[in-house]
Amino acid sequence: MQVTKLTAEQINTAPKKHQYTMEEMQREYDYIRAEQMTKKLLNKGLITEEEYDIIMTKNRQVFSPILSDLYPR
C-alpha cells in the first residue's frame, strides 16, 4: 500500500461542497414528484413512451434540477 502525504496547498484546493438553498431543494423535490406522477401515467397506459420523454424534457427545463445529470433519461 502506498501512502501519499497531502500538503496544505493540496488540501485547500479541494472543490468546495455546494450548499443547497431552500429554493434549489424545493425544485429538486418538485421535479421528483412530477417524475413520479408522469411515470404513473405511463404505467397506466394513459401516455406513450414518446409523450413521457417529451414531458420529462419539459420538466427538466421548468424545474431546472441541479441533479438532473444523475436522473435517468
PDB file of N, CA and C in Angstrom:
ATOM      1  N   MET A   1       0.851  -1.183   0.000  1.00  0.00           N
ATOM      2  CA  MET A   1       0.000   0.000   0.000  1.00  0.00           C
ATOM      3  C   MET A   1       0.887   1.234   0.000  1.00  0.00           C
ATOM      4  N   GLN A   2       0.507   2.191  -0.808  1.00  0.00           N
ATOM      5  CA  GLN A   2       1.266   3.431  -0.897  1.00  0.00           C
ATOM      6  C   GLN A   2       0.478   4.553  -0.231  1.00  0.00           C
ATOM      7  N   VAL A   3       1.176   5.334   0.590  1.00  0.00           N
ATOM      8  CA  VAL A   3       0.547   6.460   1.276  1.00  0.00           C
ATOM      9  C   VAL A   3       1.156   7.742   0.739  1.00  0.00           C
ATOM     10  N   THR A   4       0.291   8.683   0.395  1.00  0.00           N
ATOM     11  CA  THR A   4       0.758   9.968  -0.123  1.00  0.00           C
ATOM     12  C   THR A   4       0.374  11.059   0.862  1.00  0.00           C
ATOM     13  N   LYS A   5       1.325  11.849   1.268  1.00  0.00           N
ATOM     14  CA  LYS A   5       1.072  12.941   2.188  1.00  0.00           C
ATOM     15  C   LYS A   5       0.601  14.160   1.390  1.00  0.00           C
ATOM     16  N   LEU A   6      -0.518  14.749   1.816  1.00  0.00           N
ATOM     17  CA  LEU A   6      -1.041  15.933   1.163  1.00  0.00           C
ATOM     18  C   LEU A   6      -0.469  17.178   1.840  1.00  0.00           C
ATOM     19  N   THR A   7      -0.120  18.140   1.023  1.00  0.00           N
ATOM     20  CA  THR A   7       0.355  19.410   1.553  1.00  0.00           C
ATOM     21  C   THR A   7      -0.850  20.308   1.837  1.00  0.00           C
ATOM     22  N   ALA A   8      -0.633  21.374   2.594  1.00  0.00           N
ATOM     23  CA  ALA A   8      -1.705  22.320   2.901  1.00  0.00           C
ATOM     24  C   ALA A   8      -2.269  22.921   1.620  1.00  0.00           C
ATOM     25  N   GLU A   9      -1.434  23.159   0.639  1.00  0.00           N
ATOM     26  CA  GLU A   9      -1.875  23.724  -0.636  1.00  0.00           C
ATOM     27  C   GLU A   9      -2.824  22.766  -1.358  1.00  0.00           C
ATOM     28  N   GLN A  10      -2.502  21.485  -1.348  1.00  0.00           N
ATOM     29  CA  GLN A  10      -3.366  20.498  -1.994  1.00  0.00           C
ATOM     30  C   GLN A  10      -4.710  20.374  -1.278  1.00  0.00           C
ATOM     31  N   ILE A  11      -4.684  20.464   0.023  1.00  0.00           N
ATOM     32  CA  ILE A  11      -5.921  20.351   0.800  1.00  0.00           C
ATOM     33  C   ILE A  11      -6.818  21.552   0.542  1.00  0.00           C
ATOM     34  N   ASN A  12      -6.245  22.744   0.460  1.00  0.00           N
ATOM     35  CA  ASN A  12      -7.025  23.965   0.256  1.00  0.00           C
ATOM     36  C   ASN A  12      -7.584  24.089  -1.146  1.00  0.00           C
ATOM     37  N   THR A  13      -7.062  23.337  -2.107  1.00  0.00           N
ATOM     38  CA  THR A  13      -7.558  23.428  -3.481  1.00  0.00           C
ATOM     39  C   THR A  13      -8.667  22.420  -3.767  1.00  0.00           C
ATOM     40  N   ALA A  14      -9.061  21.676  -2.756  1.00  0.00           N
ATOM     41  CA  ALA A  14     -10.152  20.711  -2.936  1.00  0.00           C
ATOM     42  C   ALA A  14     -11.434  21.471  -3.276  1.00  0.00           C
ATOM     43  N   PRO A  15     -12.267  20.898  -4.152  1.00  0.00           N
ATOM     44  CA  PRO A  15     -13.508  21.595  -4.524  1.00  0.00           C
ATOM     45  C   PRO A  15     -14.403  21.774  -3.304  1.00  0.00           C
ATOM     46  N   LYS A  16     -15.068  22.897  -3.254  1.00  0.00           N
ATOM     47  CA  LYS A  16     -15.984  23.209  -2.150  1.00  0.00           C
ATOM     48  C   LYS A  16     -17.304  22.476  -2.367  1.00  0.00           C
ATOM     49  N   LYS A  17     -17.907  22.059  -1.276  1.00  0.00           N
ATOM     50  CA  LYS A  17     -19.215  21.417  -1.357  1.00  0.00           C
ATOM     51  C   LYS A  17     -20.259  22.475  -1.650  1.00  0.00           C
ATOM     52  N   HIS A  18     -21.246  22.078  -2.463  1.00  0.00           N
ATOM     53  CA  HIS A  18     -22.328  23.005  -2.807  1.00  0.00           C
ATOM     54  C   HIS A  18     -23.325  23.040  -1.657  1.00  0.00           C
ATOM     55  N   GLN A  19     -23.629  24.211  -1.167  1.00  0.00           N
ATOM     56  CA  GLN A  19     -24.633  24.401  -0.134  1.00  0.00           C
ATOM     57  C   GLN A  19     -25.965  24.699  -0.821  1.00  0.00           C
ATOM     58  N   TYR A  20     -26.911  23.775  -0.724  1.00  0.00           N
ATOM     59  CA  TYR A  20     -28.200  23.942  -1.388  1.00  0.00           C
ATOM     60  C   TYR A  20     -29.059  24.977  -0.678  1.00  0.00           C
ATOM     61  N   THR A  21     -29.730  25.795  -1.470  1.00  0.00           N
ATOM     62  CA  THR A  21     -30.688  26.741  -0.906  1.00  0.00           C
ATOM     63  C   THR A  21     -32.036  26.043  -0.789  1.00  0.00           C
ATOM     64  N   MET A  22     -32.942  26.648  -0.044  1.00  0.00           N
ATOM     65  CA  MET A  22     -34.285  26.079   0.081  1.00  0.00           C
ATOM     66  C   MET A  22     -34.973  26.033  -1.287  1.00  0.00           C
ATOM     67  N   GLU A  23     -34.730  27.047  -2.111  1.00  0.00           N
ATOM     68  CA  GLU A  23     -35.328  27.077  -3.449  1.00  0.00           C
ATOM     69  C   GLU A  23     -34.821  25.919  -4.307  1.00  0.00           C
ATOM     70  N   GLU A  24     -33.527  25.640  -4.252  1.00  0.00           N
ATOM     71  CA  GLU A  24     -32.959  24.528  -5.023  1.00  0.00           C
ATOM     72  C   GLU A  24     -33.509  23.197  -4.539  1.00  0.00           C
ATOM     73  N   MET A  25     -33.628  23.039  -3.226  1.00  0.00           N
ATOM     74  CA  MET A  25     -34.177  21.800  -2.673  1.00  0.00           C
ATOM     75  C   MET A  25     -35.642  21.626  -3.086  1.00  0.00           C
ATOM     76  N   GLN A  26     -36.396  22.723  -3.097  1.00  0.00           N
ATOM     77  CA  GLN A  26     -37.794  22.655  -3.497  1.00  0.00           C
ATOM     78  C   GLN A  26     -37.919  22.251  -4.965  1.00  0.00           C
ATOM     79  N   ARG A  27     -37.040  22.813  -5.821  1.00  0.00           N
ATOM     80  CA  ARG A  27     -37.071  22.458  -7.248  1.00  0.00           C
ATOM     81  C   ARG A  27     -36.756  20.972  -7.445  1.00  0.00           C
ATOM     82  N   GLU A  28     -35.789  20.447  -6.682  1.00  0.00           N
ATOM     83  CA  GLU A  28     -35.459  19.024  -6.768  1.00  0.00           C
ATOM     84  C   GLU A  28     -36.681  18.184  -6.377  1.00  0.00           C
ATOM     85  N   TYR A  29     -37.309  18.565  -5.275  1.00  0.00           N
ATOM     86  CA  TYR A  29     -38.482  17.839  -4.793  1.00  0.00           C
ATOM     87  C   TYR A  29     -39.617  17.892  -5.817  1.00  0.00           C
ATOM     88  N   ASP A  30     -39.887  19.084  -6.331  1.00  0.00           N
ATOM     89  CA  ASP A  30     -40.957  19.245  -7.318  1.00  0.00           C
ATOM     90  C   ASP A  30     -40.681  18.410  -8.569  1.00  0.00           C
ATOM     91  N   TYR A  31     -39.418  18.373  -8.995  1.00  0.00           N
ATOM     92  CA  TYR A  31     -39.049  17.585 -10.172  1.00  0.00           C
ATOM     93  C   TYR A  31     -39.298  16.092  -9.909  1.00  0.00           C
ATOM     94  N   ILE A  32     -38.880  15.624  -8.759  1.00  0.00           N
ATOM     95  CA  ILE A  32     -39.048  14.201  -8.430  1.00  0.00           C
ATOM     96  C   ILE A  32     -40.530  13.842  -8.369  1.00  0.00           C
ATOM     97  N   ARG A  33     -41.340  14.706  -7.756  1.00  0.00           N
ATOM     98  CA  ARG A  33     -42.789  14.449  -7.689  1.00  0.00           C
ATOM     99  C   ARG A  33     -43.409  14.440  -9.088  1.00  0.00           C
ATOM    100  N   ALA A  34     -43.001  15.382  -9.930  1.00  0.00           N
ATOM    101  CA  ALA A  34     -43.520  15.425 -11.301  1.00  0.00           C
ATOM    102  C   ALA A  34     -43.131  14.153 -12.047  1.00  0.00           C
ATOM    103  N   GLU A  35     -41.918  13.691 -11.823  1.00  0.00           N
ATOM    104  CA  GLU A  35     -41.461  12.459 -12.472  1.00  0.00           C
ATOM    105  C   GLU A  35     -42.287  11.266 -12.009  1.00  0.00           C
ATOM    106  N   GLN A  36     -42.560  11.186 -10.717  1.00  0.00           N
ATOM    107  CA  GLN A  36     -43.351  10.076 -10.187  1.00  0.00           C
ATOM    108  C   GLN A  36     -44.764  10.069 -10.779  1.00  0.00           C
ATOM    109  N   MET A  37     -45.371  11.242 -10.859  1.00  0.00           N
ATOM    110  CA  MET A  37     -46.732  11.325 -11.414  1.00  0.00           C
ATOM    111  C   MET A  37     -46.739  10.968 -12.901  1.00  0.00           C
ATOM    112  N   THR A  38     -45.723  11.445 -13.626  1.00  0.00           N
ATOM    113  CA  THR A  38     -45.644  11.156 -15.061  1.00  0.00           C
ATOM    114  C   THR A  38     -45.415   9.666 -15.286  1.00  0.00           C
ATOM    115  N   LYS A  39     -44.610   9.054 -14.428  1.00  0.00           N
ATOM    116  CA  LYS A  39     -44.335   7.616 -14.532  1.00  0.00           C
ATOM    117  C   LYS A  39     -45.622   6.817 -14.297  1.00  0.00           C
ATOM    118  N   LYS A  40     -46.448   7.277 -13.364  1.00  0.00           N
ATOM    119  CA  LYS A  40     -47.723   6.598 -13.120  1.00  0.00           C
ATOM    120  C   LYS A  40     -48.625   6.658 -14.348  1.00  0.00           C
ATOM    121  N   LEU A  41     -48.655   7.817 -15.006  1.00  0.00           N
ATOM    122  CA  LEU A  41     -49.452   7.943 -16.236  1.00  0.00           C
ATOM    123  C   LEU A  41     -48.961   6.965 -17.294  1.00  0.00           C
ATOM    124  N   LEU A  42     -47.647   6.843 -17.403  1.00  0.00           N
ATOM    125  CA  LEU A  42     -47.056   5.910 -18.367  1.00  0.00           C
ATOM    126  C   LEU A  42     -47.418   4.465 -18.014  1.00  0.00           C
ATOM    127  N   ASN A  43     -47.254   4.117 -16.755  1.00  0.00           N
ATOM    128  CA  ASN A  43     -47.528   2.741 -16.320  1.00  0.00           C
ATOM    129  C   ASN A  43     -48.997   2.352 -16.474  1.00  0.00           C
ATOM    130  N   LYS A  44     -49.885   3.330 -16.371  1.00  0.00           N
ATOM    131  CA  LYS A  44     -51.317   3.059 -16.543  1.00  0.00           C
ATOM    132  C   LYS A  44     -51.744   3.105 -18.009  1.00  0.00           C
ATOM    133  N   GLY A  45     -50.802   3.404 -18.891  1.00  0.00           N
ATOM    134  CA  GLY A  45     -51.099   3.428 -20.309  1.00  0.00           C
ATOM    135  C   GLY A  45     -51.821   4.683 -20.777  1.00  0.00           C
ATOM    136  N   LEU A  46     -51.808   5.712 -19.946  1.00  0.00           N
ATOM    137  CA  LEU A  46     -52.502   6.948 -20.299  1.00  0.00           C
ATOM    138  C   LEU A  46     -51.662   7.840 -21.201  1.00  0.00           C
ATOM    139  N   ILE A  47     -50.351   7.612 -21.226  1.00  0.00           N
ATOM    140  CA  ILE A  47     -49.450   8.319 -22.142  1.00  0.00           C
ATOM    141  C   ILE A  47     -48.483   7.306 -22.746  1.00  0.00           C
ATOM    142  N   THR A  48     -47.902   7.661 -23.879  1.00  0.00           N
ATOM    143  CA  THR A  48     -46.937   6.778 -24.546  1.00  0.00           C
ATOM    144  C   THR A  48     -45.526   7.083 -24.047  1.00  0.00           C
ATOM    145  N   GLU A  49     -44.581   6.212 -24.403  1.00  0.00           N
ATOM    146  CA  GLU A  49     -43.172   6.440 -24.067  1.00  0.00           C
ATOM    147  C   GLU A  49     -42.688   7.770 -24.644  1.00  0.00           C
ATOM    148  N   GLU A  50     -43.105   8.052 -25.882  1.00  0.00           N
ATOM    149  CA  GLU A  50     -42.704   9.295 -26.545  1.00  0.00           C
ATOM    150  C   GLU A  50     -43.236  10.507 -25.778  1.00  0.00           C
ATOM    151  N   GLU A  51     -44.505  10.432 -25.368  1.00  0.00           N
ATOM    152  CA  GLU A  51     -45.094  11.533 -24.593  1.00  0.00           C
ATOM    153  C   GLU A  51     -44.389  11.682 -23.241  1.00  0.00           C
ATOM    154  N   TYR A  52     -44.045  10.551 -22.630  1.00  0.00           N
ATOM    155  CA  TYR A  52     -43.318  10.568 -21.355  1.00  0.00           C
ATOM    156  C   TYR A  52     -41.988  11.309 -21.515  1.00  0.00           C
ATOM    157  N   ASP A  53     -41.249  10.980 -22.573  1.00  0.00           N
ATOM    158  CA  ASP A  53     -39.956  11.628 -22.817  1.00  0.00           C
ATOM    159  C   ASP A  53     -40.111  13.132 -23.044  1.00  0.00           C
ATOM    160  N   ILE A  54     -41.152  13.516 -23.777  1.00  0.00           N
ATOM    161  CA  ILE A  54     -41.408  14.940 -24.038  1.00  0.00           C
ATOM    162  C   ILE A  54     -41.729  15.671 -22.730  1.00  0.00           C
ATOM    163  N   ILE A  55     -42.590  15.062 -21.920  1.00  0.00           N
ATOM    164  CA  ILE A  55     -42.971  15.670 -20.647  1.00  0.00           C
ATOM    165  C   ILE A  55     -41.763  15.805 -19.725  1.00  0.00           C
ATOM    166  N   MET A  56     -40.930  14.759 -19.657  1.00  0.00           N
ATOM    167  CA  MET A  56     -39.773  14.802 -18.759  1.00  0.00           C
ATOM    168  C   MET A  56     -38.738  15.818 -19.239  1.00  0.00           C
ATOM    169  N   THR A  57     -38.600  15.980 -20.539  1.00  0.00           N
ATOM    170  CA  THR A  57     -37.701  17.009 -21.065  1.00  0.00           C
ATOM    171  C   THR A  57     -38.196  18.385 -20.643  1.00  0.00           C
ATOM    172  N   LYS A  58     -39.498  18.593 -20.755  1.00  0.00           N
ATOM    173  CA  LYS A  58     -40.098  19.870 -20.338  1.00  0.00           C
ATOM    174  C   LYS A  58     -39.937  20.075 -18.829  1.00  0.00           C
ATOM    175  N   ASN A  59     -40.112  19.005 -18.050  1.00  0.00           N
ATOM    176  CA  ASN A  59     -39.943  19.101 -16.596  1.00  0.00           C
ATOM    177  C   ASN A  59     -38.522  19.524 -16.226  1.00  0.00           C
ATOM    178  N   ARG A  60     -37.531  19.005 -16.939  1.00  0.00           N
ATOM    179  CA  ARG A  60     -36.147  19.399 -16.666  1.00  0.00           C
ATOM    180  C   ARG A  60     -35.941  20.890 -16.929  1.00  0.00           C
ATOM    181  N   GLN A  61     -36.616  21.395 -17.952  1.00  0.00           N
ATOM    182  CA  GLN A  61     -36.499  22.820 -18.272  1.00  0.00           C
ATOM    183  C   GLN A  61     -37.221  23.679 -17.228  1.00  0.00           C
ATOM    184  N   VAL A  62     -38.393  23.245 -16.814  1.00  0.00           N
ATOM    185  CA  VAL A  62     -39.204  24.020 -15.884  1.00  0.00           C
ATOM    186  C   VAL A  62     -38.613  24.025 -14.473  1.00  0.00           C
ATOM    187  N   PHE A  63     -38.234  22.851 -13.979  1.00  0.00           N
ATOM    188  CA  PHE A  63     -37.765  22.745 -12.602  1.00  0.00           C
ATOM    189  C   PHE A  63     -36.264  22.975 -12.460  1.00  0.00           C
ATOM    190  N   SER A  64     -35.511  22.838 -13.537  1.00  0.00           N
ATOM    191  CA  SER A  64     -34.051  23.024 -13.519  1.00  0.00           C
ATOM    192  C   SER A  64     -33.381  22.329 -12.332  1.00  0.00           C
ATOM    193  N   PRO A  65     -33.600  21.025 -12.188  1.00  0.00           N
ATOM    194  CA  PRO A  65     -32.980  20.354 -11.046  1.00  0.00           C
ATOM    195  C   PRO A  65     -31.461  20.291 -11.205  1.00  0.00           C
ATOM    196  N   ILE A  66     -30.754  20.548 -10.138  1.00  0.00           N
ATOM    197  CA  ILE A  66     -29.292  20.531 -10.161  1.00  0.00           C
ATOM    198  C   ILE A  66     -28.786  19.124 -10.433  1.00  0.00           C
ATOM    199  N   LEU A  67     -29.466  18.153  -9.889  1.00  0.00           N
ATOM    200  CA  LEU A  67     -29.024  16.767 -10.017  1.00  0.00           C
ATOM    201  C   LEU A  67     -29.547  16.082 -11.275  1.00  0.00           C
ATOM    202  N   SER A  68     -30.058  16.830 -12.224  1.00  0.00           N
ATOM    203  CA  SER A  68     -30.686  16.232 -13.403  1.00  0.00           C
ATOM    204  C   SER A  68     -29.738  15.338 -14.195  1.00  0.00           C
ATOM    205  N   ASP A  69     -28.443  15.603 -14.122  1.00  0.00           N
ATOM    206  CA  ASP A  69     -27.491  14.754 -14.839  1.00  0.00           C
ATOM    207  C   ASP A  69     -27.469  13.338 -14.260  1.00  0.00           C
ATOM    208  N   LEU A  70     -27.901  13.191 -13.012  1.00  0.00           N
ATOM    209  CA  LEU A  70     -27.901  11.877 -12.373  1.00  0.00           C
ATOM    210  C   LEU A  70     -29.187  11.112 -12.620  1.00  0.00           C
ATOM    211  N   TYR A  71     -30.234  11.825 -13.009  1.00  0.00           N
ATOM    212  CA  TYR A  71     -31.516  11.186 -13.248  1.00  0.00           C
ATOM    213  C   TYR A  71     -31.506  10.474 -14.602  1.00  0.00           C
ATOM    214  N   PRO A  72     -32.165   9.298 -14.675  1.00  0.00           N
ATOM    215  CA  PRO A  72     -32.224   8.607 -15.964  1.00  0.00           C
ATOM    216  C   PRO A  72     -33.005   9.410 -16.987  1.00  0.00           C
ATOM    217  N   ARG A  73     -32.614   9.257 -18.240  1.00  0.00           N
ATOM    218  CA  ARG A  73     -33.306   9.961 -19.323  1.00  0.00           C
ATOM    219  C   ARG A  73     -34.095   8.992 -20.146  1.00  0.00           C
TER     220      ARG A  73
END
